[in-house]
C-alpha atoms as a PDB file:
ATOM      1  CA  UNK A   1     -24.467 -13.331 -15.093  1.00  0.00           C
ATOM      2  CA  UNK A   2     -22.956 -14.562 -11.795  1.00  0.00           C
ATOM      3  CA  UNK A   3     -19.566 -15.077 -13.774  1.00  0.00           C
ATOM      4  CA  UNK A   4     -19.578 -11.579 -15.230  1.00  0.00           C
ATOM      5  CA  UNK A   5     -20.158 -10.057 -11.838  1.00  0.00           C
ATOM      6  CA  UNK A   6     -17.390 -12.288 -10.275  1.00  0.00           C
ATOM      7  CA  UNK A   7     -14.909 -11.375 -13.110  1.00  0.00           C
ATOM      8  CA  UNK A   8     -15.780  -7.673 -12.581  1.00  0.00           C
ATOM      9  CA  UNK A   9     -15.088  -7.944  -8.903  1.00  0.00           C
ATOM     10  CA  UNK A  10     -11.860  -9.868  -9.392  1.00  0.00           C
ATOM     11  CA  UNK A  11     -10.742  -7.213 -11.871  1.00  0.00           C
ATOM     12  CA  UNK A  12     -11.367  -4.444  -9.361  1.00  0.00           C
ATOM     13  CA  UNK A  13      -9.462  -6.269  -6.771  1.00  0.00           C
ATOM     14  CA  UNK A  14      -6.395  -6.676  -9.151  1.00  0.00           C
ATOM     15  CA  UNK A  15      -6.554  -3.244 -10.302  1.00  0.00           C
ATOM     16  CA  UNK A  16      -6.795  -1.900  -6.614  1.00  0.00           C
ATOM     17  CA  UNK A  17      -3.861  -3.970  -5.693  1.00  0.00           C
ATOM     18  CA  UNK A  18      -1.638  -2.664  -8.474  1.00  0.00           C
ATOM     19  CA  UNK A  19      -2.609   0.929  -7.801  1.00  0.00           C
ATOM     20  CA  UNK A  20      -1.991   0.963  -3.957  1.00  0.00           C
ATOM     21  CA  UNK A  21       1.651   1.537  -3.123  1.00  0.00           C
ATOM     22  CA  UNK A  22       3.125  -0.647  -0.373  1.00  0.00           C
ATOM     23  CA  UNK A  23       1.908   0.748   2.788  1.00  0.00           C
ATOM     24  CA  UNK A  24       2.264  -2.248   5.379  1.00  0.00           C
ATOM     25  CA  UNK A  25       3.100  -0.996   8.874  1.00  0.00           C
ATOM     26  CA  UNK A  26       6.832  -1.113   9.777  1.00  0.00           C
ATOM     27  CA  UNK A  27       8.136  -0.658  13.277  1.00  0.00           C
ATOM     28  CA  UNK A  28      11.302   1.135  13.488  1.00  0.00           C
ATOM     29  CA  UNK A  29      13.770   0.418  16.432  1.00  0.00           C
ATOM     30  CA  UNK A  30      14.422   3.642  18.526  1.00  0.00           C
ATOM     31  CA  UNK A  31      17.681   5.480  19.339  1.00  0.00           C
ATOM     32  CA  UNK A  32      18.442   8.079  21.752  1.00  0.00           C
ATOM     33  CA  UNK A  33      20.446  11.013  20.564  1.00  0.00           C
ATOM     34  CA  UNK A  34      21.805  14.121  21.861  1.00  0.00           C
ATOM     35  CA  UNK A  35      22.307  17.291  19.637  1.00  0.00           C
ATOM     36  CA  UNK A  36      22.997  20.496  21.177  1.00  0.00           C
ATOM     37  CA  UNK A  37      21.024  20.700  24.419  1.00  0.00           C
ATOM     38  CA  UNK A  38      18.405  18.414  23.277  1.00  0.00           C
ATOM     39  CA  UNK A  39      18.152  14.774  24.225  1.00  0.00           C
ATOM     40  CA  UNK A  40      15.370  12.769  22.511  1.00  0.00           C
ATOM     41  CA  UNK A  41      14.450   9.456  21.258  1.00  0.00           C
ATOM     42  CA  UNK A  42      14.085   9.092  17.364  1.00  0.00           C
ATOM     43  CA  UNK A  43      13.151   6.235  15.060  1.00  0.00           C
ATOM     44  CA  UNK A  44      16.330   4.473  13.742  1.00  0.00           C
ATOM     45  CA  UNK A  45      16.723   3.539  10.199  1.00  0.00           C
ATOM     46  CA  UNK A  46      20.072   1.375  10.259  1.00  0.00           C
ATOM     47  CA  UNK A  47      19.239  -1.209   7.602  1.00  0.00           C
ATOM     48  CA  UNK A  48      18.978  -0.801   3.957  1.00  0.00           C
ATOM     49  CA  UNK A  49      15.242  -1.734   4.304  1.00  0.00           C
ATOM     50  CA  UNK A  50      14.479   0.752   6.991  1.00  0.00           C
ATOM     51  CA  UNK A  51      16.449   3.530   5.331  1.00  0.00           C
ATOM     52  CA  UNK A  52      14.653   2.978   1.943  1.00  0.00           C
ATOM     53  CA  UNK A  53      11.320   3.154   3.887  1.00  0.00           C
ATOM     54  CA  UNK A  54      12.191   5.997   5.974  1.00  0.00           C
ATOM     55  CA  UNK A  55       9.204   8.326   6.850  1.00  0.00           C
ATOM     56  CA  UNK A  56       7.162   7.072   3.853  1.00  0.00           C
ATOM     57  CA  UNK A  57       3.553   6.905   4.560  1.00  0.00           C
ATOM     58  CA  UNK A  58       3.915   8.096   8.015  1.00  0.00           C
ATOM     59  CA  UNK A  59       1.371  10.571   9.226  1.00  0.00           C
ATOM     60  CA  UNK A  60       3.656  12.792  11.342  1.00  0.00           C
ATOM     61  CA  UNK A  61       7.422  13.368  11.777  1.00  0.00           C
ATOM     62  CA  UNK A  62       7.219  14.503  15.444  1.00  0.00           C
ATOM     63  CA  UNK A  63       9.401  11.472  16.476  1.00  0.00           C
ATOM     64  CA  UNK A  64      12.151  12.151  13.753  1.00  0.00           C
ATOM     65  CA  UNK A  65      14.239   9.717  12.150  1.00  0.00           C
ATOM     66  CA  UNK A  66      18.042   9.048  12.179  1.00  0.00           C
ATOM     67  CA  UNK A  67      19.167   7.432   8.980  1.00  0.00           C
ATOM     68  CA  UNK A  68      22.304   5.539   9.826  1.00  0.00           C
ATOM     69  CA  UNK A  69      24.797   4.044   7.304  1.00  0.00           C
ATOM     70  CA  UNK A  70      27.384   1.417   8.006  1.00  0.00           C
ATOM     71  CA  UNK A  71      30.230   3.672   6.575  1.00  0.00           C
ATOM     72  CA  UNK A  72      30.517   7.240   5.283  1.00  0.00           C
ATOM     73  CA  UNK A  73      29.032   7.687   1.857  1.00  0.00           C
ATOM     74  CA  UNK A  74      27.390  10.202  -0.499  1.00  0.00           C
ATOM     75  CA  UNK A  75      23.791  10.346   0.791  1.00  0.00           C
ATOM     76  CA  UNK A  76      20.943  11.426  -1.427  1.00  0.00           C
ATOM     77  CA  UNK A  77      17.289  11.748  -0.079  1.00  0.00           C
ATOM     78  CA  UNK A  78      13.901  12.342  -1.648  1.00  0.00           C
ATOM     79  CA  UNK A  79      10.468  12.445  -0.516  1.00  0.00           C
ATOM     80  CA  UNK A  80       8.497   9.893  -2.464  1.00  0.00           C
ATOM     81  CA  UNK A  81       5.359   8.913  -0.692  1.00  0.00           C
ATOM     82  CA  UNK A  82       6.139  11.231   2.025  1.00  0.00           C
ATOM     83  CA  UNK A  83       3.733  13.993   2.640  1.00  0.00           C
ATOM     84  CA  UNK A  84       5.334  15.745   5.303  1.00  0.00           C
ATOM     85  CA  UNK A  85       7.425  19.030   5.396  1.00  0.00           C
ATOM     86  CA  UNK A  86      10.949  17.998   6.878  1.00  0.00           C
ATOM     87  CA  UNK A  87      14.264  19.386   7.501  1.00  0.00           C
ATOM     88  CA  UNK A  88      17.344  17.081   7.310  1.00  0.00           C
ATOM     89  CA  UNK A  89      20.718  17.469   9.000  1.00  0.00           C
ATOM     90  CA  UNK A  90      23.334  15.574   7.283  1.00  0.00           C
ATOM     91  CA  UNK A  91      26.054  14.115   9.776  1.00  0.00           C
ATOM     92  CA  UNK A  92      29.643  13.763   8.862  1.00  0.00           C
ATOM     93  CA  UNK A  93      31.961  10.735  10.233  1.00  0.00           C
ATOM     94  CA  UNK A  94      32.942  12.727  13.197  1.00  0.00           C
ATOM     95  CA  UNK A  95      29.200  13.238  14.113  1.00  0.00           C
ATOM     96  CA  UNK A  96      29.027  16.854  13.223  1.00  0.00           C
ATOM     97  CA  UNK A  97      26.127  18.449  11.391  1.00  0.00           C
ATOM     98  CA  UNK A  98      27.811  19.379   7.858  1.00  0.00           C
ATOM     99  CA  UNK A  99      24.418  20.791   6.356  1.00  0.00           C
ATOM    100  CA  UNK A 100      20.766  21.391   7.039  1.00  0.00           C
ATOM    101  CA  UNK A 101      18.411  21.346   4.140  1.00  0.00           C
ATOM    102  CA  UNK A 102      14.549  21.189   3.529  1.00  0.00           C
ATOM    103  CA  UNK A 103      12.797  18.415   2.156  1.00  0.00           C
ATOM    104  CA  UNK A 104       9.536  19.328   0.565  1.00  0.00           C
ATOM    105  CA  UNK A 105       6.438  16.932   0.566  1.00  0.00           C
ATOM    106  CA  UNK A 106       6.223  14.491  -2.268  1.00  0.00           C
ATOM    107  CA  UNK A 107       9.104  16.021  -3.985  1.00  0.00           C
ATOM    108  CA  UNK A 108      11.356  13.324  -5.834  1.00  0.00           C
ATOM    109  CA  UNK A 109      14.150  15.734  -6.490  1.00  0.00           C
ATOM    110  CA  UNK A 110      17.322  14.224  -4.802  1.00  0.00           C
ATOM    111  CA  UNK A 111      18.704  16.318  -2.029  1.00  0.00           C
ATOM    112  CA  UNK A 112      22.358  15.703  -1.012  1.00  0.00           C
ATOM    113  CA  UNK A 113      25.573  17.250   0.164  1.00  0.00           C
ATOM    114  CA  UNK A 114      28.837  17.010  -1.959  1.00  0.00           C
ATOM    115  CA  UNK A 115      30.687  15.024   0.855  1.00  0.00           C
ATOM    116  CA  UNK A 116      30.324  11.804   2.420  1.00  0.00           C
ATOM    117  CA  UNK A 117      28.036  11.526   5.401  1.00  0.00           C
ATOM    118  CA  UNK A 118      27.454   8.870   8.059  1.00  0.00           C
ATOM    119  CA  UNK A 119      23.821   9.728   8.821  1.00  0.00           C
ATOM    120  CA  UNK A 120      21.054  11.914   8.147  1.00  0.00           C
ATOM    121  CA  UNK A 121      18.658  13.234  10.873  1.00  0.00           C
ATOM    122  CA  UNK A 122      15.167  14.094   9.447  1.00  0.00           C
ATOM    123  CA  UNK A 123      13.025  16.266  11.818  1.00  0.00           C
ATOM    124  CA  UNK A 124       9.721  18.350  11.197  1.00  0.00           C
ATOM    125  CA  UNK A 125      10.280  21.436   9.357  1.00  0.00           C
ATOM    126  CA  UNK A 126      11.680  24.238  11.494  1.00  0.00           C
ATOM    127  CA  UNK A 127      12.814  21.903  14.257  1.00  0.00           C
ATOM    128  CA  UNK A 128      16.630  22.639  13.949  1.00  0.00           C
ATOM    129  CA  UNK A 129      15.872  26.407  13.819  1.00  0.00           C
ATOM    130  CA  UNK A 130      13.484  26.257  16.858  1.00  0.00           C
ATOM    131  CA  UNK A 131      16.171  24.406  18.837  1.00  0.00           C
ATOM    132  CA  UNK A 132      19.124  26.579  17.456  1.00  0.00           C
ATOM    133  CA  UNK A 133      20.733  23.726  15.958  1.00  0.00           C
ATOM    134  CA  UNK A 134      23.326  24.885  13.313  1.00  0.00           C
ATOM    135  CA  UNK A 135      25.974  23.458  11.080  1.00  0.00           C
ATOM    136  CA  UNK A 136      29.085  22.486  13.261  1.00  0.00           C
ATOM    137  CA  UNK A 137      26.813  21.011  16.129  1.00  0.00           C
ATOM    138  CA  UNK A 138      27.580  17.606  17.506  1.00  0.00           C
ATOM    139  CA  UNK A 139      25.319  14.719  17.301  1.00  0.00           C
ATOM    140  CA  UNK A 140      25.822  11.902  19.922  1.00  0.00           C
ATOM    141  CA  UNK A 141      24.201   8.531  19.698  1.00  0.00           C
ATOM    142  CA  UNK A 142      23.497   7.576  23.293  1.00  0.00           C
ATOM    143  CA  UNK A 143      23.326   4.056  24.672  1.00  0.00           C
END
């Protein structure tokens, strides 16, 4: 009887481990940006591992996140494991906003622009509109 209970508990642990997505806590470095008249600190995802994780599993997007790439490239984003309503501004190699698009919670449909970008700035839904940030606005990464 003890062995049956042990194997049952062991099976439950194995099944739980397989079913739970990777949610370990990751600490993102911070960067200060200026866009329009707004200066603020955001989370910085500047490595492949940090960009892959993005805002997954976070409870809020209030801090925002700058996904920064080493060189301009076609960027495609999705919302796997991200239960937040976001807007994303794609940033070109001259640090100008080239597009602002909505990202829907848990939607795995890729969102991209047809030209190369150097970065993507993810903010809570409506943030760009609230601050009158539009296509053509310049983003500056401050020291």
